[in-house]
């Protein structure tokens, strides 16, 4: 099921209840992974594109740097896409 199908089911299920439709549509939209940004002031961290919470970090393990990522923002629940890794 894609985003459009989910919105169609939502429209048919909550006929006349606009507030419920808006809230559920926002929750469905957050399930679409969005590319992280680099707005954090902390060294080598990425930021959630929705709420600007710091997500992902680089930790030093032995001689290597390892990117630690989360699939969702812990603050707002936005699905995150780390495919274009922050620098």
N, C-alpha and C. Protein backbone atom coordinates (compact mmCIF):
# COMPACT_ATOMS: atom_id res chain seq x y z
N UNK A 1 0.85 -1.17 0.00
CA UNK A 1 0.00 0.00 0.00
C UNK A 1 0.90 1.24 0.00
N UNK A 2 0.61 2.17 -0.87
CA UNK A 2 1.40 3.39 -0.90
C UNK A 2 0.64 4.52 -0.18
N UNK A 3 1.25 5.67 -0.17
CA UNK A 3 0.72 6.83 0.54
C UNK A 3 -0.66 7.23 0.02
N UNK A 4 -0.85 7.23 -1.30
CA UNK A 4 -2.13 7.64 -1.90
C UNK A 4 -3.24 6.64 -1.53
N UNK A 5 -2.93 5.33 -1.57
CA UNK A 5 -3.92 4.32 -1.18
C UNK A 5 -4.33 4.50 0.28
N UNK A 6 -3.35 4.77 1.15
CA UNK A 6 -3.63 4.97 2.56
C UNK A 6 -4.53 6.18 2.77
N UNK A 7 -4.28 7.26 2.05
CA UNK A 7 -5.12 8.45 2.18
C UNK A 7 -6.54 8.19 1.67
N UNK A 8 -6.68 7.37 0.62
CA UNK A 8 -8.00 7.03 0.10
C UNK A 8 -8.80 6.24 1.13
N UNK A 9 -8.16 5.26 1.77
CA UNK A 9 -8.83 4.48 2.83
C UNK A 9 -9.20 5.39 3.99
N UNK A 10 -8.30 6.29 4.35
CA UNK A 10 -8.54 7.25 5.42
C UNK A 10 -9.76 8.10 5.12
N UNK A 11 -9.89 8.56 3.88
CA UNK A 11 -11.00 9.41 3.47
C UNK A 11 -12.32 8.67 3.59
N UNK A 12 -12.33 7.39 3.21
CA UNK A 12 -13.56 6.59 3.26
C UNK A 12 -13.92 6.19 4.69
N UNK A 13 -12.93 6.00 5.54
CA UNK A 13 -13.16 5.54 6.90
C UNK A 13 -13.66 6.64 7.82
N UNK A 14 -13.10 7.83 7.69
CA UNK A 14 -13.43 8.92 8.59
C UNK A 14 -14.24 10.01 7.90
N UNK A 15 -15.31 9.61 7.24
CA UNK A 15 -16.19 10.56 6.55
C UNK A 15 -16.74 11.55 7.57
N UNK A 16 -16.53 12.84 7.31
CA UNK A 16 -17.08 13.89 8.16
C UNK A 16 -16.21 14.25 9.36
N UNK A 17 -15.15 13.53 9.62
CA UNK A 17 -14.30 13.84 10.77
C UNK A 17 -12.95 14.35 10.26
N UNK A 18 -12.92 15.63 9.94
CA UNK A 18 -11.73 16.24 9.34
C UNK A 18 -10.52 16.21 10.28
N UNK A 19 -10.73 16.43 11.57
CA UNK A 19 -9.61 16.44 12.52
C UNK A 19 -8.91 15.08 12.56
N UNK A 20 -9.68 14.01 12.58
CA UNK A 20 -9.09 12.67 12.59
C UNK A 20 -8.33 12.42 11.31
N UNK A 21 -8.89 12.84 10.18
CA UNK A 21 -8.22 12.66 8.89
C UNK A 21 -6.87 13.37 8.86
N UNK A 22 -6.83 14.60 9.36
CA UNK A 22 -5.59 15.38 9.35
C UNK A 22 -4.53 14.73 10.23
N UNK A 23 -4.93 14.32 11.42
CA UNK A 23 -3.97 13.69 12.34
C UNK A 23 -3.42 12.39 11.77
N UNK A 24 -4.27 11.57 11.22
CA UNK A 24 -3.82 10.29 10.67
C UNK A 24 -2.98 10.51 9.42
N UNK A 25 -3.35 11.48 8.59
CA UNK A 25 -2.55 11.79 7.39
C UNK A 25 -1.15 12.23 7.78
N UNK A 26 -1.03 13.03 8.84
CA UNK A 26 0.31 13.45 9.30
C UNK A 26 1.11 12.26 9.79
N UNK A 27 0.47 11.33 10.48
CA UNK A 27 1.16 10.13 10.97
C UNK A 27 1.61 9.26 9.80
N UNK A 28 0.77 9.12 8.79
CA UNK A 28 1.14 8.33 7.61
C UNK A 28 2.32 8.99 6.90
N UNK A 29 2.27 10.31 6.78
CA UNK A 29 3.34 11.04 6.09
C UNK A 29 4.69 10.86 6.78
N UNK A 30 4.68 10.76 8.10
CA UNK A 30 5.94 10.59 8.84
C UNK A 30 6.58 9.22 8.61
N UNK A 31 5.83 8.29 8.04
CA UNK A 31 6.36 6.96 7.76
C UNK A 31 7.21 6.94 6.48
N UNK A 32 7.14 8.02 5.71
CA UNK A 32 7.94 8.12 4.49
C UNK A 32 9.33 8.62 4.90
N UNK A 33 10.39 7.82 4.68
CA UNK A 33 11.73 8.25 5.07
C UNK A 33 12.13 9.56 4.38
N UNK A 34 12.64 10.48 5.17
CA UNK A 34 13.07 11.79 4.69
C UNK A 34 14.56 11.93 4.96
N UNK A 35 15.29 12.49 4.00
CA UNK A 35 16.74 12.64 4.15
C UNK A 35 17.08 13.55 5.32
N UNK A 36 18.04 13.10 6.10
CA UNK A 36 18.50 13.90 7.23
C UNK A 36 19.26 15.12 6.72
N UNK A 37 19.30 16.14 7.54
CA UNK A 37 20.02 17.37 7.18
C UNK A 37 21.22 17.53 8.11
N UNK A 38 21.98 18.57 7.88
CA UNK A 38 23.13 18.83 8.74
C UNK A 38 23.02 20.25 9.29
N UNK A 39 22.06 20.40 10.20
CA UNK A 39 21.85 21.70 10.83
C UNK A 39 22.32 21.70 12.29
N UNK A 40 22.78 20.56 12.76
CA UNK A 40 23.20 20.46 14.16
C UNK A 40 24.50 21.22 14.37
N UNK A 41 24.61 21.84 15.52
CA UNK A 41 25.84 22.55 15.85
C UNK A 41 26.87 21.61 16.48
N UNK A 42 26.42 20.40 16.81
CA UNK A 42 27.35 19.43 17.38
C UNK A 42 28.22 18.84 16.30
N UNK A 43 29.43 18.51 16.64
CA UNK A 43 30.40 17.99 15.69
C UNK A 43 29.93 16.70 15.05
N UNK A 44 29.84 16.67 13.72
CA UNK A 44 29.58 15.48 12.92
C UNK A 44 28.26 14.79 13.26
N UNK A 45 27.21 15.56 13.46
CA UNK A 45 25.88 15.00 13.72
C UNK A 45 24.94 15.42 12.60
N UNK A 46 23.84 14.69 12.47
CA UNK A 46 22.80 15.01 11.51
C UNK A 46 21.57 15.47 12.27
N UNK A 47 20.60 16.01 11.53
CA UNK A 47 19.41 16.59 12.13
C UNK A 47 18.16 16.03 11.47
N UNK A 48 17.10 15.81 12.26
CA UNK A 48 15.81 15.39 11.72
C UNK A 48 15.25 16.52 10.86
N UNK A 49 14.80 16.22 9.64
CA UNK A 49 14.27 17.27 8.77
C UNK A 49 12.93 17.84 9.26
N UNK A 50 12.22 17.13 10.12
CA UNK A 50 10.91 17.59 10.59
C UNK A 50 10.99 18.46 11.84
N UNK A 51 11.71 17.97 12.85
CA UNK A 51 11.74 18.70 14.13
C UNK A 51 13.11 19.28 14.47
N UNK A 52 14.13 18.99 13.67
CA UNK A 52 15.50 19.48 13.83
C UNK A 52 16.20 18.93 15.07
N UNK A 53 15.69 17.79 15.57
CA UNK A 53 16.35 17.09 16.66
C UNK A 53 17.64 16.45 16.13
N UNK A 54 18.67 16.39 16.95
CA UNK A 54 19.93 15.75 16.54
C UNK A 54 19.72 14.25 16.46
N UNK A 55 20.02 13.67 15.29
CA UNK A 55 19.90 12.23 15.06
C UNK A 55 21.19 11.75 14.42
N UNK A 56 21.58 10.55 14.74
CA UNK A 56 22.80 10.00 14.15
C UNK A 56 24.03 10.70 14.69
N UNK A 57 25.06 9.94 14.81
CA UNK A 57 26.33 10.49 15.30
C UNK A 57 27.44 9.58 14.83
N UNK A 58 28.65 10.06 14.94
CA UNK A 58 29.81 9.23 14.60
C UNK A 58 30.57 8.95 15.88
N UNK A 59 30.84 7.68 16.10
CA UNK A 59 31.62 7.28 17.27
C UNK A 59 32.92 6.66 16.79
N UNK A 60 33.93 6.83 17.58
CA UNK A 60 35.26 6.28 17.28
C UNK A 60 35.34 4.90 17.90
N UNK A 61 35.53 3.87 17.09
CA UNK A 61 35.71 2.50 17.55
C UNK A 61 37.06 2.02 17.07
N UNK A 62 38.02 1.98 17.96
CA UNK A 62 39.38 1.60 17.58
C UNK A 62 39.96 2.64 16.65
N UNK A 63 40.36 2.22 15.46
CA UNK A 63 40.94 3.13 14.47
C UNK A 63 39.91 3.63 13.47
N UNK A 64 38.63 3.27 13.66
CA UNK A 64 37.61 3.61 12.66
C UNK A 64 36.53 4.50 13.24
N UNK A 65 35.94 5.33 12.36
CA UNK A 65 34.75 6.09 12.70
C UNK A 65 33.55 5.28 12.25
N UNK A 66 32.55 5.16 13.12
CA UNK A 66 31.35 4.38 12.80
C UNK A 66 30.13 5.28 12.94
N UNK A 67 29.30 5.33 11.87
CA UNK A 67 28.08 6.12 11.90
C UNK A 67 27.00 5.35 12.65
N UNK A 68 26.43 5.94 13.69
CA UNK A 68 25.33 5.36 14.45
C UNK A 68 24.06 6.05 13.97
N UNK A 69 23.11 5.27 13.45
CA UNK A 69 21.88 5.85 12.92
C UNK A 69 20.66 5.19 13.57
N UNK A 70 19.55 5.88 13.52
CA UNK A 70 18.27 5.36 13.99
C UNK A 70 17.30 5.41 12.81
N UNK A 71 16.39 4.43 12.70
CA UNK A 71 15.44 4.46 11.59
C UNK A 71 14.38 5.55 11.73
N UNK A 72 14.11 5.98 12.98
CA UNK A 72 13.11 7.01 13.24
C UNK A 72 13.66 8.03 14.22
N UNK A 73 13.20 9.27 14.11
CA UNK A 73 13.55 10.30 15.09
C UNK A 73 12.88 9.94 16.41
N UNK A 74 13.64 9.96 17.48
CA UNK A 74 13.09 9.62 18.79
C UNK A 74 12.17 10.71 19.33
N UNK A 75 12.25 11.91 18.80
CA UNK A 75 11.43 13.01 19.30
C UNK A 75 10.08 13.10 18.60
N UNK A 76 10.07 13.05 17.25
CA UNK A 76 8.81 13.26 16.52
C UNK A 76 8.32 12.04 15.76
N UNK A 77 9.14 10.99 15.61
CA UNK A 77 8.72 9.78 14.93
C UNK A 77 8.93 9.77 13.43
N UNK A 78 9.54 10.82 12.87
CA UNK A 78 9.79 10.88 11.43
C UNK A 78 10.73 9.76 11.00
N UNK A 79 10.36 9.03 9.93
CA UNK A 79 11.25 8.02 9.37
C UNK A 79 12.43 8.75 8.72
N UNK A 80 13.64 8.23 8.93
CA UNK A 80 14.86 8.93 8.49
C UNK A 80 15.57 8.17 7.38
N UNK A 81 16.16 8.92 6.48
CA UNK A 81 16.92 8.36 5.37
C UNK A 81 18.34 8.88 5.48
N UNK A 82 19.29 7.99 5.74
CA UNK A 82 20.70 8.35 5.87
C UNK A 82 21.49 8.01 4.60
N UNK A 83 20.81 7.84 3.47
CA UNK A 83 21.50 7.42 2.25
C UNK A 83 22.56 8.43 1.78
N UNK A 84 22.28 9.72 1.92
CA UNK A 84 23.30 10.75 1.64
C UNK A 84 23.85 11.16 3.00
N UNK A 85 24.84 10.43 3.44
CA UNK A 85 25.37 10.59 4.79
C UNK A 85 25.85 12.01 5.05
N UNK A 86 25.53 12.51 6.24
CA UNK A 86 26.01 13.83 6.64
C UNK A 86 27.51 13.78 6.83
N UNK A 87 28.13 14.89 6.63
CA UNK A 87 29.57 14.97 6.81
C UNK A 87 29.92 15.84 7.96
